[in-house]
Protein backbone atom coordinates (compact mmCIF):
# COMPACT_ATOMS: atom_id res chain seq x y z
CA UNK A 1 119.75 73.70 155.13
CA UNK A 2 122.37 72.06 157.34
CA UNK A 3 125.59 70.40 156.40
CA UNK A 4 126.24 66.68 156.30
CA UNK A 5 129.56 64.91 156.58
CA UNK A 6 130.90 62.48 153.99
CA UNK A 7 134.05 60.44 154.43
CA UNK A 8 136.07 59.96 151.27
CA UNK A 9 139.45 58.27 150.95
CA UNK A 10 142.15 59.19 148.44
CA UNK A 11 145.34 57.37 147.48
CA UNK A 12 148.56 58.65 149.02
CA UNK A 13 149.67 60.36 145.80
CA UNK A 14 146.42 62.29 145.23
CA UNK A 15 146.77 66.08 144.77
CA UNK A 16 144.49 66.75 147.76
CA UNK A 17 147.36 65.80 150.06
CA UNK A 18 149.43 68.71 148.75
CA UNK A 19 146.84 71.14 150.17
CA UNK A 20 147.58 72.54 153.62
CA UNK A 21 146.00 70.67 156.53
CA UNK A 22 142.70 72.24 157.43
CA UNK A 23 142.10 73.33 153.82
CA UNK A 24 141.80 69.89 152.27
CA UNK A 25 138.05 69.52 152.75
CA UNK A 26 137.46 73.04 151.41
CA UNK A 27 139.53 72.23 148.32
CA UNK A 28 137.75 68.92 147.72
CA UNK A 29 134.38 70.68 148.00
CA UNK A 30 135.57 73.26 145.41
CA UNK A 31 136.70 70.48 143.07
CA UNK A 32 133.38 68.64 143.40
CA UNK A 33 131.40 71.83 142.74
CA UNK A 34 133.57 72.58 139.70
CA UNK A 35 133.12 69.05 138.38
CA UNK A 36 129.34 69.32 138.76
CA UNK A 37 129.37 72.59 136.82
CA UNK A 38 131.49 71.03 134.10
CA UNK A 39 129.11 68.06 133.91
CA UNK A 40 126.24 70.48 133.22
CA UNK A 41 128.29 72.24 130.54
CA UNK A 42 129.22 68.93 128.90
CA UNK A 43 125.59 67.83 128.90
CA UNK A 44 124.70 71.04 127.08
CA UNK A 45 127.44 70.40 124.54
CA UNK A 46 126.20 66.84 124.03
CA UNK A 47 122.66 68.16 123.45
CA UNK A 48 123.96 70.70 120.92
CA UNK A 49 125.99 68.03 119.15
CA UNK A 50 122.98 65.72 119.05
CA UNK A 51 120.91 68.54 117.54
CA UNK A 52 123.62 68.99 114.89
CA UNK A 53 123.63 65.26 114.25
CA UNK A 54 119.84 65.21 113.92
CA UNK A 55 119.94 68.10 111.46
CA UNK A 56 122.57 66.43 109.28
CA UNK A 57 125.59 68.06 110.88
CA UNK A 58 127.67 70.92 109.58
CA UNK A 59 128.08 70.93 105.85
CA UNK A 60 124.83 69.04 105.28
CA UNK A 61 123.58 69.62 101.79
CA UNK A 62 126.93 71.01 100.64
CA UNK A 63 129.52 69.47 98.40
CA UNK A 64 131.93 69.09 101.34
CA UNK A 65 131.65 65.38 102.11
CA UNK A 66 135.01 65.50 103.92
CA UNK A 67 133.63 67.90 106.51
CA UNK A 68 130.73 65.56 107.21
CA UNK A 69 133.14 62.68 107.63
CA UNK A 70 135.20 64.80 110.05
CA UNK A 71 132.03 65.63 111.97
CA UNK A 72 131.11 61.94 112.23
CA UNK A 73 134.60 61.19 113.53
CA UNK A 74 134.28 64.01 116.06
CA UNK A 75 130.86 62.77 117.22
CA UNK A 76 132.20 59.29 117.93
CA UNK A 77 134.18 60.78 120.81
CA UNK A 78 130.92 61.71 122.52
CA UNK A 79 129.04 58.48 121.98
CA UNK A 80 128.72 56.68 125.22
């Protein structure tokens, strides 16, 4: 599998410009690969949270209504 070139522009204040010349493309490739890995991890977390939501969330069936309210508040951060 060969390589392909992609031209990307960044604003003057972007952290990539603090990398040494000749290492900038390597660093950007590392950042993109890291971001893709994090996206996979976040998708797994979203799936786990959805499973919790579907099962009533933590504290379901207990007398701890406050915990369920906290869980609902927490879940709102992941609604998109």
